[in-house]
Amino acid sequence: MPPHLPGGLEDFVDHVVPVLQRRGLFRTEYGGRTLREHYGLARPANRLAALGPHLGPPGAKGTSLPITS
């Protein structure tokens, strides 16, 4: 851990990270658009979509619950 924050962290980012990037040991850019993609994680299935279309927001087209008498 740096001896002081935020100065020690800034020194590390400004001086050490560029050296690691030149050596190919630290990324220079991210490959994905989301944090999930950066970590290479798969997108989970939508749990609500699996339950059916009637579970959307109230008043949305096709989302009303069936009326039973």
PDB file of N, CA and C in Angstrom:
ATOM      1  N   MET A   1       0.840  -1.168   0.000  1.00  0.00           N
ATOM      2  CA  MET A   1       0.000   0.000   0.000  1.00  0.00           C
ATOM      3  C   MET A   1       0.893   1.242   0.000  1.00  0.00           C
ATOM      4  N   PRO A   2       0.486   2.267  -0.743  1.00  0.00           N
ATOM      5  CA  PRO A   2       1.280   3.501  -0.769  1.00  0.00           C
ATOM      6  C   PRO A   2       1.375   4.120   0.631  1.00  0.00           C
ATOM      7  N   PRO A   3       2.463   4.830   0.899  1.00  0.00           N
ATOM      8  CA  PRO A   3       2.639   5.409   2.229  1.00  0.00           C
ATOM      9  C   PRO A   3       1.586   6.467   2.548  1.00  0.00           C
ATOM     10  N   HIS A   4       1.006   7.092   1.541  1.00  0.00           N
ATOM     11  CA  HIS A   4      -0.047   8.080   1.780  1.00  0.00           C
ATOM     12  C   HIS A   4      -1.005   8.084   0.594  1.00  0.00           C
ATOM     13  N   LEU A   5      -2.228   8.410   0.886  1.00  0.00           N
ATOM     14  CA  LEU A   5      -3.257   8.485  -0.159  1.00  0.00           C
ATOM     15  C   LEU A   5      -3.808   9.895  -0.184  1.00  0.00           C
ATOM     16  N   PRO A   6      -4.152  10.463  -1.291  1.00  0.00           N
ATOM     17  CA  PRO A   6      -4.139   9.869  -2.624  1.00  0.00           C
ATOM     18  C   PRO A   6      -2.817  10.024  -3.354  1.00  0.00           C
ATOM     19  N   GLY A   7      -1.854  10.719  -2.765  1.00  0.00           N
ATOM     20  CA  GLY A   7      -0.589  10.973  -3.449  1.00  0.00           C
ATOM     21  C   GLY A   7       0.149   9.727  -3.887  1.00  0.00           C
ATOM     22  N   GLY A   8       0.211   8.723  -3.017  1.00  0.00           N
ATOM     23  CA  GLY A   8       0.912   7.495  -3.372  1.00  0.00           C
ATOM     24  C   GLY A   8       0.240   6.773  -4.521  1.00  0.00           C
ATOM     25  N   LEU A   9      -1.079   6.780  -4.548  1.00  0.00           N
ATOM     26  CA  LEU A   9      -1.817   6.154  -5.632  1.00  0.00           C
ATOM     27  C   LEU A   9      -1.614   6.913  -6.937  1.00  0.00           C
ATOM     28  N   GLU A  10      -1.626   8.231  -6.862  1.00  0.00           N
ATOM     29  CA  GLU A  10      -1.384   9.046  -8.052  1.00  0.00           C
ATOM     30  C   GLU A  10       0.017   8.801  -8.602  1.00  0.00           C
ATOM     31  N   ASP A  11       1.001   8.696  -7.723  1.00  0.00           N
ATOM     32  CA  ASP A  11       2.371   8.414  -8.164  1.00  0.00           C
ATOM     33  C   ASP A  11       2.436   7.072  -8.881  1.00  0.00           C
ATOM     34  N   PHE A  12       1.769   6.073  -8.336  1.00  0.00           N
ATOM     35  CA  PHE A  12       1.762   4.746  -8.952  1.00  0.00           C
ATOM     36  C   PHE A  12       1.137   4.798 -10.345  1.00  0.00           C
ATOM     37  N   VAL A  13      -0.025   5.438 -10.433  1.00  0.00           N
ATOM     38  CA  VAL A  13      -0.734   5.521 -11.718  1.00  0.00           C
ATOM     39  C   VAL A  13       0.077   6.324 -12.735  1.00  0.00           C
ATOM     40  N   ASP A  14       0.690   7.394 -12.302  1.00  0.00           N
ATOM     41  CA  ASP A  14       1.434   8.253 -13.231  1.00  0.00           C
ATOM     42  C   ASP A  14       2.779   7.679 -13.658  1.00  0.00           C
ATOM     43  N   HIS A  15       3.417   6.879 -12.803  1.00  0.00           N
ATOM     44  CA  HIS A  15       4.776   6.437 -13.099  1.00  0.00           C
ATOM     45  C   HIS A  15       4.914   4.943 -13.363  1.00  0.00           C
ATOM     46  N   VAL A  16       4.191   4.118 -12.651  1.00  0.00           N
ATOM     47  CA  VAL A  16       4.349   2.664 -12.787  1.00  0.00           C
ATOM     48  C   VAL A  16       3.462   2.096 -13.892  1.00  0.00           C
ATOM     49  N   VAL A  17       2.199   2.529 -13.935  1.00  0.00           N
ATOM     50  CA  VAL A  17       1.271   1.984 -14.931  1.00  0.00           C
ATOM     51  C   VAL A  17       1.774   2.183 -16.362  1.00  0.00           C
ATOM     52  N   PRO A  18       2.286   3.359 -16.752  1.00  0.00           N
ATOM     53  CA  PRO A  18       2.790   3.498 -18.129  1.00  0.00           C
ATOM     54  C   PRO A  18       3.923   2.520 -18.464  1.00  0.00           C
ATOM     55  N   VAL A  19       4.781   2.234 -17.503  1.00  0.00           N
ATOM     56  CA  VAL A  19       5.864   1.268 -17.734  1.00  0.00           C
ATOM     57  C   VAL A  19       5.278  -0.124 -17.950  1.00  0.00           C
ATOM     58  N   LEU A  20       4.314  -0.499 -17.124  1.00  0.00           N
ATOM     59  CA  LEU A  20       3.669  -1.804 -17.285  1.00  0.00           C
ATOM     60  C   LEU A  20       2.937  -1.898 -18.620  1.00  0.00           C
ATOM     61  N   GLN A  21       2.316  -0.817 -19.051  1.00  0.00           N
ATOM     62  CA  GLN A  21       1.619  -0.816 -20.345  1.00  0.00           C
ATOM     63  C   GLN A  21       2.609  -0.995 -21.496  1.00  0.00           C
ATOM     64  N   ARG A  22       3.732  -0.316 -21.435  1.00  0.00           N
ATOM     65  CA  ARG A  22       4.742  -0.472 -22.504  1.00  0.00           C
ATOM     66  C   ARG A  22       5.263  -1.898 -22.570  1.00  0.00           C
ATOM     67  N   ARG A  23       5.316  -2.561 -21.447  1.00  0.00           N
ATOM     68  CA  ARG A  23       5.794  -3.951 -21.403  1.00  0.00           C
ATOM     69  C   ARG A  23       4.698  -4.964 -21.707  1.00  0.00           C
ATOM     70  N   GLY A  24       3.471  -4.472 -21.917  1.00  0.00           N
ATOM     71  CA  GLY A  24       2.357  -5.354 -22.223  1.00  0.00           C
ATOM     72  C   GLY A  24       1.807  -6.090 -21.014  1.00  0.00           C
ATOM     73  N   LEU A  25       2.046  -5.566 -19.826  1.00  0.00           N
ATOM     74  CA  LEU A  25       1.609  -6.218 -18.597  1.00  0.00           C
ATOM     75  C   LEU A  25       0.378  -5.570 -17.982  1.00  0.00           C
ATOM     76  N   PHE A  26      -0.082  -4.481 -18.582  1.00  0.00           N
ATOM     77  CA  PHE A  26      -1.258  -3.776 -18.072  1.00  0.00           C
ATOM     78  C   PHE A  26      -2.023  -3.249 -19.265  1.00  0.00           C
ATOM     79  N   ARG A  27      -3.341  -3.401 -19.242  1.00  0.00           N
ATOM     80  CA  ARG A  27      -4.153  -3.009 -20.405  1.00  0.00           C
ATOM     81  C   ARG A  27      -4.058  -1.516 -20.691  1.00  0.00           C
ATOM     82  N   THR A  28      -4.191  -1.192 -21.968  1.00  0.00           N
ATOM     83  CA  THR A  28      -4.195   0.212 -22.377  1.00  0.00           C
ATOM     84  C   THR A  28      -5.606   0.675 -22.707  1.00  0.00           C
ATOM     85  N   GLU A  29      -6.510  -0.268 -22.938  1.00  0.00           N
ATOM     86  CA  GLU A  29      -7.910   0.066 -23.190  1.00  0.00           C
ATOM     87  C   GLU A  29      -8.774  -1.135 -22.828  1.00  0.00           C
ATOM     88  N   TYR A  30     -10.040  -0.880 -22.685  1.00  0.00           N
ATOM     89  CA  TYR A  30     -10.986  -1.939 -22.354  1.00  0.00           C
ATOM     90  C   TYR A  30     -11.630  -2.463 -23.625  1.00  0.00           C
ATOM     91  N   GLY A  31     -11.891  -3.766 -23.660  1.00  0.00           N
ATOM     92  CA  GLY A  31     -12.457  -4.386 -24.844  1.00  0.00           C
ATOM     93  C   GLY A  31     -13.961  -4.265 -24.951  1.00  0.00           C
ATOM     94  N   GLY A  32     -14.652  -4.132 -23.850  1.00  0.00           N
ATOM     95  CA  GLY A  32     -16.111  -4.085 -23.865  1.00  0.00           C
ATOM     96  C   GLY A  32     -16.638  -2.711 -23.517  1.00  0.00           C
ATOM     97  N   ARG A  33     -17.978  -2.612 -23.547  1.00  0.00           N
ATOM     98  CA  ARG A  33     -18.620  -1.349 -23.211  1.00  0.00           C
ATOM     99  C   ARG A  33     -19.115  -1.323 -21.773  1.00  0.00           C
ATOM    100  N   THR A  34     -19.252  -2.470 -21.148  1.00  0.00           N
ATOM    101  CA  THR A  34     -19.780  -2.532 -19.784  1.00  0.00           C
ATOM    102  C   THR A  34     -18.760  -3.176 -18.856  1.00  0.00           C
ATOM    103  N   LEU A  35     -18.962  -2.987 -17.564  1.00  0.00           N
ATOM    104  CA  LEU A  35     -18.070  -3.603 -16.580  1.00  0.00           C
ATOM    105  C   LEU A  35     -18.119  -5.126 -16.702  1.00  0.00           C
ATOM    106  N   ARG A  36     -19.317  -5.654 -16.954  1.00  0.00           N
ATOM    107  CA  ARG A  36     -19.480  -7.097 -17.126  1.00  0.00           C
ATOM    108  C   ARG A  36     -18.616  -7.590 -18.288  1.00  0.00           C
ATOM    109  N   GLU A  37     -18.607  -6.859 -19.392  1.00  0.00           N
ATOM    110  CA  GLU A  37     -17.793  -7.249 -20.549  1.00  0.00           C
ATOM    111  C   GLU A  37     -16.303  -7.122 -20.245  1.00  0.00           C
ATOM    112  N   HIS A  38     -15.918  -6.117 -19.466  1.00  0.00           N
ATOM    113  CA  HIS A  38     -14.507  -5.947 -19.102  1.00  0.00           C
ATOM    114  C   HIS A  38     -13.979  -7.161 -18.352  1.00  0.00           C
ATOM    115  N   TYR A  39     -14.840  -7.737 -17.509  1.00  0.00           N
ATOM    116  CA  TYR A  39     -14.449  -8.916 -16.744  1.00  0.00           C
ATOM    117  C   TYR A  39     -14.695 -10.214 -17.492  1.00  0.00           C
ATOM    118  N   GLY A  40     -15.247 -10.147 -18.695  1.00  0.00           N
ATOM    119  CA  GLY A  40     -15.489 -11.344 -19.492  1.00  0.00           C
ATOM    120  C   GLY A  40     -16.625 -12.205 -18.972  1.00  0.00           C
ATOM    121  N   LEU A  41     -17.587 -11.585 -18.297  1.00  0.00           N
ATOM    122  CA  LEU A  41     -18.713 -12.333 -17.734  1.00  0.00           C
ATOM    123  C   LEU A  41     -19.863 -12.400 -18.727  1.00  0.00           C
ATOM    124  N   ALA A  42     -20.558 -13.524 -18.741  1.00  0.00           N
ATOM    125  CA  ALA A  42     -21.716 -13.673 -19.620  1.00  0.00           C
ATOM    126  C   ALA A  42     -22.885 -12.883 -19.049  1.00  0.00           C
ATOM    127  N   ARG A  43     -23.752 -12.413 -19.919  1.00  0.00           N
ATOM    128  CA  ARG A  43     -24.935 -11.693 -19.475  1.00  0.00           C
ATOM    129  C   ARG A  43     -25.960 -12.700 -18.968  1.00  0.00           C
ATOM    130  N   PRO A  44     -26.461 -12.508 -17.758  1.00  0.00           N
ATOM    131  CA  PRO A  44     -27.420 -13.473 -17.213  1.00  0.00           C
ATOM    132  C   PRO A  44     -28.766 -13.362 -17.922  1.00  0.00           C
ATOM    133  N   ALA A  45     -29.512 -14.434 -17.881  1.00  0.00           N
ATOM    134  CA  ALA A  45     -30.845 -14.435 -18.478  1.00  0.00           C
ATOM    135  C   ALA A  45     -31.757 -13.522 -17.667  1.00  0.00           C
ATOM    136  N   ASN A  46     -32.710 -12.910 -18.348  1.00  0.00           N
ATOM    137  CA  ASN A  46     -33.673 -12.043 -17.691  1.00  0.00           C
ATOM    138  C   ASN A  46     -34.672 -12.918 -16.934  1.00  0.00           C
ATOM    139  N   ARG A  47     -34.676 -12.824 -15.620  1.00  0.00           N
ATOM    140  CA  ARG A  47     -35.549 -13.666 -14.798  1.00  0.00           C
ATOM    141  C   ARG A  47     -37.016 -13.336 -15.010  1.00  0.00           C
ATOM    142  N   LEU A  48     -37.340 -12.075 -15.235  1.00  0.00           N
ATOM    143  CA  LEU A  48     -38.738 -11.696 -15.410  1.00  0.00           C
ATOM    144  C   LEU A  48     -39.274 -12.153 -16.763  1.00  0.00           C
ATOM    145  N   ALA A  49     -38.451 -12.138 -17.789  1.00  0.00           N
ATOM    146  CA  ALA A  49     -38.910 -12.574 -19.107  1.00  0.00           C
ATOM    147  C   ALA A  49     -39.299 -14.041 -19.082  1.00  0.00           C
ATOM    148  N   ALA A  50     -38.648 -14.818 -18.257  1.00  0.00           N
ATOM    149  CA  ALA A  50     -38.956 -16.248 -18.178  1.00  0.00           C
ATOM    150  C   ALA A  50     -40.304 -16.499 -17.505  1.00  0.00           C
ATOM    151  N   LEU A  51     -40.795 -15.529 -16.723  1.00  0.00           N
ATOM    152  CA  LEU A  51     -42.054 -15.709 -16.008  1.00  0.00           C
ATOM    153  C   LEU A  51     -43.279 -15.400 -16.872  1.00  0.00           C
ATOM    154  N   GLY A  52     -43.090 -14.680 -17.952  1.00  0.00           N
ATOM    155  CA  GLY A  52     -44.202 -14.396 -18.854  1.00  0.00           C
ATOM    156  C   GLY A  52     -44.427 -12.908 -19.062  1.00  0.00           C
ATOM    157  N   PRO A  53     -45.173 -12.559 -20.115  1.00  0.00           N
ATOM    158  CA  PRO A  53     -45.364 -11.157 -20.473  1.00  0.00           C
ATOM    159  C   PRO A  53     -46.304 -10.403 -19.537  1.00  0.00           C
ATOM    160  N   HIS A  54     -47.094 -11.066 -18.730  1.00  0.00           N
ATOM    161  CA  HIS A  54     -48.060 -10.386 -17.874  1.00  0.00           C
ATOM    162  C   HIS A  54     -47.418  -9.706 -16.666  1.00  0.00           C
ATOM    163  N   LEU A  55     -46.110  -9.809 -16.523  1.00  0.00           N
ATOM    164  CA  LEU A  55     -45.455  -9.245 -15.342  1.00  0.00           C
ATOM    165  C   LEU A  55     -44.765  -7.914 -15.592  1.00  0.00           C
ATOM    166  N   GLY A  56     -45.100  -7.238 -16.670  1.00  0.00           N
ATOM    167  CA  GLY A  56     -44.502  -5.942 -16.969  1.00  0.00           C
ATOM    168  C   GLY A  56     -45.095  -4.849 -16.100  1.00  0.00           C
ATOM    169  N   PRO A  57     -44.740  -3.578 -16.373  1.00  0.00           N
ATOM    170  CA  PRO A  57     -45.269  -2.476 -15.575  1.00  0.00           C
ATOM    171  C   PRO A  57     -46.775  -2.327 -15.790  1.00  0.00           C
ATOM    172  N   PRO A  58     -47.521  -1.879 -14.794  1.00  0.00           N
ATOM    173  CA  PRO A  58     -48.966  -1.731 -14.921  1.00  0.00           C
ATOM    174  C   PRO A  58     -49.320  -0.784 -16.065  1.00  0.00           C
ATOM    175  N   GLY A  59     -50.314  -1.162 -16.835  1.00  0.00           N
ATOM    176  CA  GLY A  59     -50.777  -0.339 -17.946  1.00  0.00           C
ATOM    177  C   GLY A  59     -50.016  -0.518 -19.238  1.00  0.00           C
ATOM    178  N   ALA A  60     -48.910  -1.233 -19.215  1.00  0.00           N
ATOM    179  CA  ALA A  60     -48.156  -1.460 -20.442  1.00  0.00           C
ATOM    180  C   ALA A  60     -48.903  -2.455 -21.313  1.00  0.00           C
ATOM    181  N   LYS A  61     -48.768  -2.314 -22.608  1.00  0.00           N
ATOM    182  CA  LYS A  61     -49.491  -3.180 -23.545  1.00  0.00           C
ATOM    183  C   LYS A  61     -49.104  -4.638 -23.318  1.00  0.00           C
ATOM    184  N   GLY A  62     -50.109  -5.492 -23.177  1.00  0.00           N
ATOM    185  CA  GLY A  62     -49.879  -6.908 -23.016  1.00  0.00           C
ATOM    186  C   GLY A  62     -49.405  -7.322 -21.651  1.00  0.00           C
ATOM    187  N   THR A  63     -49.542  -6.425 -20.674  1.00  0.00           N
ATOM    188  CA  THR A  63     -49.017  -6.772 -19.351  1.00  0.00           C
ATOM    189  C   THR A  63     -50.100  -6.899 -18.290  1.00  0.00           C
ATOM    190  N   SER A  64     -51.345  -6.786 -18.676  1.00  0.00           N
ATOM    191  CA  SER A  64     -52.390  -6.883 -17.654  1.00  0.00           C
ATOM    192  C   SER A  64     -52.620  -8.334 -17.247  1.00  0.00           C
ATOM    193  N   LEU A  65     -52.988  -8.506 -16.015  1.00  0.00           N
ATOM    194  CA  LEU A  65     -53.283  -9.857 -15.520  1.00  0.00           C
ATOM    195  C   LEU A  65     -54.660 -10.277 -16.013  1.00  0.00           C
ATOM    196  N   PRO A  66     -54.843 -11.528 -16.297  1.00  0.00           N
ATOM    197  CA  PRO A  66     -56.152 -11.986 -16.755  1.00  0.00           C
ATOM    198  C   PRO A  66     -57.195 -11.840 -15.653  1.00  0.00           C
ATOM    199  N   ILE A  67     -58.394 -11.452 -16.046  1.00  0.00           N
ATOM    200  CA  ILE A  67     -59.495 -11.291 -15.089  1.00  0.00           C
ATOM    201  C   ILE A  67     -60.236 -12.623 -14.988  1.00  0.00           C
ATOM    202  N   THR A  68     -60.367 -13.114 -13.793  1.00  0.00           N
ATOM    203  CA  THR A  68     -61.096 -14.364 -13.574  1.00  0.00           C
ATOM    204  C   THR A  68     -62.290 -14.088 -12.702  1.00  0.00           C
ATOM    205  N   SER A  69     -63.392 -14.741 -12.956  1.00  0.00           N
ATOM    206  CA  SER A  69     -64.582 -14.517 -12.124  1.00  0.00           C
ATOM    207  C   SER A  69     -65.015 -15.778 -11.450  1.00  0.00           C
TER     208      SER A  69
END
